Amino acid sequence: MTDMIDRALAHVPDLLRETAERVILPRYQTLADHEIREKTSADDLVTVADEESEALLTDGLLKLLPGSLVVGEEAVAAEPEAIHRLGGSEPVWVIDPLDGTANFAAGNPTFAVMVALVQNNETIAACVYDPLGQRMAEARPGAGAFINGQRVRIPARKPGKARVSVSVRFWPPEIAAAARLETIEPVEPLMCAGQEYLRLVSGGIDAASYWRLLPWDHAAPALIAQEAGARILHPDGALYRPYCAPRLGLIAAHPDVWEEARLSSYPDLALVPGSNTGA
């Protein structure tokens, strides 16, 4: 099985590039109104590019690795029970066909295509593709993180308050009220998790604080950031896993400021004694 997975993973970057070229980039800044619709709210959009991208990726990934399963953002929207596939032992492809849909629909350039391979609730491979920037980020556990074939490491942080991307709009009122954002330098989020994690890897921010933990948003880019040297933990210090319900909250940060970032967002959620706080 390991050889089959390795052979499949070798073709995933090309599949992401092909998908972007065929169905995403041709619709960038050309979407008609009828090609965009709301799923659950005005903040939760889907476009024809999302749907066609997921269809292409699903078909291609299942062909690359026969016997595998898929958990895709749009498929789970239609069939919520599908997310429980992540809890099994079979290899599962986790697909975000167009991360940053609202940006894409508005004609903004901050979007990505992401695929992770998860088995036994561990992310064993990750790819994040930035179609406009032509950046392909990849990682395997213990093997490092790479962008366009070049190994990357999170740089030394600059002096001063930690620069933390915070998505307060998604926080419950009681969490937002307890936050101590004056202790950090809040940074406007990119509204695209893939690009946000890559911003952390490049040193553009020191940390990103999340509340919602949809697996297609985090499974792939979290592994890439972790392999680049970031610390990715829940506020109580528990390690991140893609199938992590009912947990909420996640801090992705330069190791030197992880605790500072946690205290700014979740001061009332103390670390569990003996919890694993390693990178």
Protein backbone atom coordinates (compact mmCIF):
# COMPACT_ATOMS: atom_id res chain seq x y z
CA MET A 1 0.00 0.00 0.00
CA THR A 2 2.85 2.39 0.77
CA ASP A 3 4.23 2.04 -2.75
CA MET A 4 0.78 2.70 -4.23
CA ILE A 5 0.41 5.83 -2.11
CA ASP A 6 3.87 7.09 -3.10
CA ARG A 7 3.10 6.57 -6.78
CA ALA A 8 -0.23 8.35 -6.42
CA LEU A 9 1.25 11.30 -4.56
CA ALA A 10 3.81 11.86 -7.30
CA HIS A 11 0.96 12.87 -9.65
CA VAL A 12 -1.08 15.06 -7.30
CA PRO A 13 0.71 18.36 -8.06
CA ASP A 14 0.10 17.91 -11.79
CA LEU A 15 -3.56 17.17 -11.10
CA LEU A 16 -3.91 20.38 -9.10
CA ARG A 17 -2.25 22.42 -11.83
CA GLU A 18 -4.41 20.84 -14.53
CA THR A 19 -7.58 21.46 -12.55
CA ALA A 20 -6.70 25.10 -11.98
CA GLU A 21 -5.90 25.63 -15.64
CA ARG A 22 -9.03 23.90 -16.91
CA VAL A 23 -11.81 25.16 -14.64
CA ILE A 24 -10.57 27.78 -12.16
CA LEU A 25 -8.36 30.29 -13.96
CA PRO A 26 -10.66 30.59 -17.02
CA ARG A 27 -13.39 31.81 -14.65
CA TYR A 28 -11.24 34.19 -12.62
CA GLN A 29 -12.86 37.65 -12.87
CA THR A 30 -15.31 36.33 -15.48
CA LEU A 31 -18.00 34.70 -13.30
CA ALA A 32 -21.59 35.51 -14.17
CA ASP A 33 -24.09 36.16 -11.39
CA HIS A 34 -25.83 32.84 -11.97
CA GLU A 35 -22.49 31.03 -11.47
CA ILE A 36 -22.29 32.14 -7.80
CA ARG A 37 -24.74 31.15 -5.09
CA GLU A 38 -25.03 31.10 -1.31
CA LYS A 39 -24.88 27.78 0.53
CA THR A 40 -25.85 28.64 4.10
CA SER A 41 -25.28 32.40 4.27
CA ALA A 42 -23.86 35.37 2.41
CA ASP A 43 -20.45 34.44 3.89
CA ASP A 44 -20.67 30.88 2.54
CA LEU A 45 -20.51 30.93 -1.23
CA VAL A 46 -20.03 28.31 -3.90
CA THR A 47 -19.27 28.91 -7.57
CA VAL A 48 -19.33 26.77 -10.65
CA ALA A 49 -15.53 26.76 -10.42
CA ASP A 50 -15.70 25.15 -6.95
CA GLU A 51 -18.04 22.43 -8.18
CA GLU A 52 -16.17 21.63 -11.38
CA SER A 53 -12.82 21.70 -9.60
CA GLU A 54 -14.02 19.24 -6.96
CA ALA A 55 -15.46 16.93 -9.61
CA LEU A 56 -12.18 16.85 -11.54
CA LEU A 57 -10.07 16.37 -8.42
CA THR A 58 -12.34 13.64 -7.05
CA ASP A 59 -12.26 11.67 -10.28
CA GLY A 60 -8.50 12.07 -10.69
CA LEU A 61 -7.57 11.24 -7.10
CA LEU A 62 -9.72 8.11 -6.95
CA LYS A 63 -8.07 6.90 -10.15
CA LEU A 64 -4.62 7.58 -8.73
CA LEU A 65 -5.31 5.54 -5.59
CA PRO A 66 -7.96 2.84 -6.08
CA GLY A 67 -9.76 1.98 -2.87
CA SER A 68 -9.31 5.42 -1.38
CA LEU A 69 -12.17 7.69 -0.27
CA VAL A 70 -12.86 11.40 -0.67
CA VAL A 71 -14.03 14.11 1.69
CA GLY A 72 -14.63 17.23 -0.38
CA GLU A 73 -16.01 20.55 0.80
CA GLU A 74 -18.89 20.59 -1.66
CA ALA A 75 -19.65 16.87 -1.29
CA VAL A 76 -19.93 17.28 2.49
CA ALA A 77 -22.22 20.29 2.00
CA ALA A 78 -24.54 17.96 0.09
CA GLU A 79 -23.99 14.91 2.33
CA PRO A 80 -22.79 15.97 5.82
CA GLU A 81 -22.30 12.36 6.96
CA ALA A 82 -19.44 11.99 4.48
CA ILE A 83 -17.12 13.80 6.87
CA HIS A 84 -17.08 10.73 9.13
CA ARG A 85 -14.98 8.93 6.52
CA LEU A 86 -12.03 10.68 8.15
CA GLY A 87 -12.51 8.56 11.25
CA GLY A 88 -11.73 5.26 9.51
CA SER A 89 -8.56 3.44 8.51
CA GLU A 90 -8.90 3.84 4.74
CA PRO A 91 -6.83 6.54 3.00
CA VAL A 92 -9.02 9.60 2.47
CA TRP A 93 -8.38 12.53 0.14
CA VAL A 94 -9.49 15.80 1.73
CA ILE A 95 -10.27 18.35 -0.98
CA ASP A 96 -10.72 22.08 -0.86
CA PRO A 97 -11.43 22.68 -4.55
CA LEU A 98 -11.24 26.46 -4.26
CA ASP A 99 -10.06 27.82 -0.94
CA GLY A 100 -11.03 31.48 -0.64
CA THR A 101 -14.23 31.24 -2.68
CA ALA A 102 -15.49 34.65 -1.53
CA ASN A 103 -12.23 36.24 -2.70
CA PHE A 104 -12.44 34.43 -6.03
CA ALA A 105 -16.08 35.39 -6.54
CA ALA A 106 -15.19 39.04 -5.87
CA GLY A 107 -12.34 38.93 -8.36
CA ASN A 108 -9.66 39.11 -5.66
CA PRO A 109 -6.44 37.13 -6.20
CA THR A 110 -6.16 35.37 -2.82
CA PHE A 111 -7.31 31.80 -3.40
CA ALA A 112 -5.81 28.31 -3.57
CA VAL A 113 -6.51 24.66 -4.36
CA MET A 114 -5.72 22.16 -1.60
CA VAL A 115 -5.53 18.39 -1.22
CA ALA A 116 -4.46 16.32 1.78
CA LEU A 117 -4.22 12.57 2.14
CA VAL A 118 -5.39 11.39 5.57
CA GLN A 119 -5.14 7.91 7.05
CA ASN A 120 -6.00 6.88 10.62
CA ASN A 121 -6.72 10.56 11.26
CA GLU A 122 -3.15 11.57 10.39
CA THR A 123 -2.32 13.82 7.46
CA ILE A 124 0.27 11.82 5.53
CA ALA A 125 0.64 14.18 2.56
CA ALA A 126 -0.33 17.73 1.66
CA CYS A 127 -0.42 19.93 -1.42
CA VAL A 128 -1.45 23.58 -1.60
CA TYR A 129 -1.43 25.27 -4.99
CA ASP A 130 -1.55 29.03 -5.57
CA PRO A 131 -2.67 29.20 -9.23
CA LEU A 132 -1.98 32.88 -9.84
CA GLY A 133 1.39 32.83 -8.09
CA GLN A 134 2.21 29.40 -9.52
CA ARG A 135 3.40 28.22 -6.11
CA MET A 136 3.10 24.53 -5.28
CA ALA A 137 3.62 23.80 -1.59
CA GLU A 138 4.06 20.16 -0.52
CA ALA A 139 4.84 18.22 2.64
CA ARG A 140 5.05 14.73 4.08
CA PRO A 141 5.43 14.08 7.83
CA GLY A 142 9.07 14.26 8.87
CA ALA A 143 10.26 15.07 5.35
CA GLY A 144 10.10 18.87 5.43
CA ALA A 145 8.06 21.44 3.53
CA PHE A 146 8.75 22.50 -0.03
CA ILE A 147 7.55 25.26 -2.34
CA ASN A 148 8.26 24.64 -6.02
CA GLY A 149 10.79 22.01 -5.01
CA GLN A 150 12.76 24.25 -2.65
CA ARG A 151 12.76 23.41 1.05
CA VAL A 152 11.30 26.18 3.22
CA ARG A 153 11.65 26.99 6.92
CA ILE A 154 9.76 29.56 8.93
CA PRO A 155 12.15 32.52 9.38
CA ALA A 156 13.26 34.14 12.63
CA ARG A 157 10.56 36.49 13.84
CA LYS A 158 10.98 40.25 14.02
CA PRO A 159 11.10 42.02 17.41
CA GLY A 160 7.94 43.54 18.83
CA LYS A 161 4.40 42.36 19.38
CA ALA A 162 3.41 39.14 17.65
CA ARG A 163 1.66 39.77 14.33
CA VAL A 164 -1.39 37.50 14.52
CA SER A 165 -4.04 36.98 11.88
CA VAL A 166 -7.36 36.80 13.73
CA SER A 167 -10.77 36.01 12.24
CA VAL A 168 -12.89 37.54 15.00
CA ARG A 169 -15.97 37.54 12.76
CA PHE A 170 -16.24 33.76 13.17
CA TRP A 171 -15.76 33.68 16.96
CA PRO A 172 -18.66 33.16 19.37
CA PRO A 173 -19.46 36.39 21.28
CA GLU A 174 -18.13 35.06 24.59
CA ILE A 175 -14.80 34.08 23.02
CA ALA A 176 -14.42 37.45 21.30
CA ALA A 177 -15.30 39.28 24.52
CA ALA A 178 -12.63 37.41 26.50
CA ALA A 179 -9.86 37.92 23.92
CA ARG A 180 -6.93 40.19 24.74
CA LEU A 181 -6.03 41.39 21.27
CA GLU A 182 -4.32 44.49 22.69
CA THR A 183 -1.40 42.22 23.66
CA ILE A 184 -0.62 41.47 20.01
CA GLU A 185 -0.59 43.23 16.66
CA PRO A 186 -3.79 41.98 15.00
CA VAL A 187 -3.51 41.38 11.26
CA GLU A 188 -6.46 41.28 8.89
CA PRO A 189 -7.02 37.67 7.77
CA LEU A 190 -6.72 36.76 4.11
CA MET A 191 -9.95 34.72 4.19
CA CYS A 192 -8.08 31.88 2.55
CA ALA A 193 -6.51 29.37 4.91
CA GLY A 194 -4.06 28.02 2.34
CA GLN A 195 -2.64 31.45 1.65
CA GLU A 196 -2.71 32.31 5.37
CA TYR A 197 -0.57 29.33 6.32
CA LEU A 198 1.85 30.15 3.49
CA ARG A 199 2.02 33.72 4.80
CA LEU A 200 3.05 32.26 8.17
CA VAL A 201 5.69 30.07 6.52
CA SER A 202 7.15 33.07 4.68
CA GLY A 203 7.32 35.21 7.84
CA GLY A 204 4.60 37.62 6.74
CA ILE A 205 2.83 36.97 10.05
CA ASP A 206 3.91 35.32 13.30
CA ALA A 207 0.70 33.40 13.95
CA ALA A 208 -2.82 32.69 12.79
CA SER A 209 -5.67 32.13 15.23
CA TYR A 210 -8.68 30.11 14.11
CA TRP A 211 -11.99 29.08 15.64
CA ARG A 212 -13.62 26.96 12.92
CA LEU A 213 -11.85 23.70 12.07
CA LEU A 214 -13.25 22.47 8.77
CA PRO A 215 -10.83 19.73 7.65
CA TRP A 216 -10.49 20.98 4.07
CA ASP A 217 -9.31 24.35 5.42
CA HIS A 218 -6.55 22.97 7.65
CA ALA A 219 -5.47 19.41 6.87
CA ALA A 220 -3.14 20.28 4.00
CA PRO A 221 -1.72 23.71 4.94
CA ALA A 222 -1.28 22.83 8.63
CA LEU A 223 1.05 19.97 7.74
CA ILE A 224 3.03 22.22 5.41
CA ALA A 225 3.43 24.89 8.09
CA GLN A 226 4.32 22.31 10.73
CA GLU A 227 6.98 20.78 8.51
CA ALA A 228 8.35 24.30 7.95
CA GLY A 229 8.79 24.64 11.72
CA ALA A 230 5.51 26.14 12.92
CA ARG A 231 3.67 24.93 16.00
CA ILE A 232 0.09 23.83 15.26
CA LEU A 233 -1.94 23.13 18.40
CA HIS A 234 -5.39 23.54 19.86
CA PRO A 235 -5.65 26.15 22.64
CA ASP A 236 -5.43 23.41 25.29
CA GLY A 237 -2.15 22.18 23.80
CA ALA A 238 -3.58 19.12 22.04
CA LEU A 239 -2.15 18.20 18.65
CA TYR A 240 -4.24 18.99 15.59
CA ARG A 241 -5.92 16.12 13.75
CA PRO A 242 -8.19 16.52 10.69
CA TYR A 243 -11.09 14.64 12.30
CA CYS A 244 -11.17 16.71 15.47
CA ALA A 245 -14.83 17.36 16.23
CA PRO A 246 -15.99 18.57 18.72
CA ARG A 247 -12.78 20.55 19.27
CA LEU A 248 -12.73 24.19 18.28
CA GLY A 249 -9.91 26.67 18.13
CA LEU A 250 -6.44 26.31 16.63
CA ILE A 251 -3.25 28.34 16.86
CA ALA A 252 -0.67 28.08 14.08
CA ALA A 253 2.41 30.04 15.05
CA HIS A 254 6.13 30.55 15.07
CA PRO A 255 7.24 28.43 18.07
CA ASP A 256 8.55 31.49 19.92
CA VAL A 257 5.14 33.19 20.00
CA TRP A 258 2.66 30.30 20.12
CA GLU A 259 1.81 30.89 23.79
CA GLU A 260 1.58 34.64 23.28
CA ALA A 261 -0.83 34.10 20.39
CA ARG A 262 -2.90 31.62 22.41
CA LEU A 263 -3.22 33.92 25.39
CA SER A 264 -4.37 36.78 23.17
CA SER A 265 -7.17 34.73 21.60
CA TYR A 266 -8.10 32.18 24.25
CA PRO A 267 -6.93 33.46 27.67
CA ASP A 268 -9.58 31.42 29.48
CA LEU A 269 -8.62 28.11 27.88
CA ALA A 270 -5.71 26.91 29.99
CA LEU A 271 -3.27 24.29 28.79
CA VAL A 272 -4.10 20.79 29.92
CA PRO A 273 -1.38 19.56 32.35
CA GLY A 274 0.91 17.14 30.57
CA SER A 275 -0.44 18.03 27.13
CA ASN A 276 1.84 17.72 24.12
CA THR A 277 3.02 21.20 23.16
CA GLY A 278 5.76 20.15 20.79
CA ALA A 279 5.93 21.42 17.22
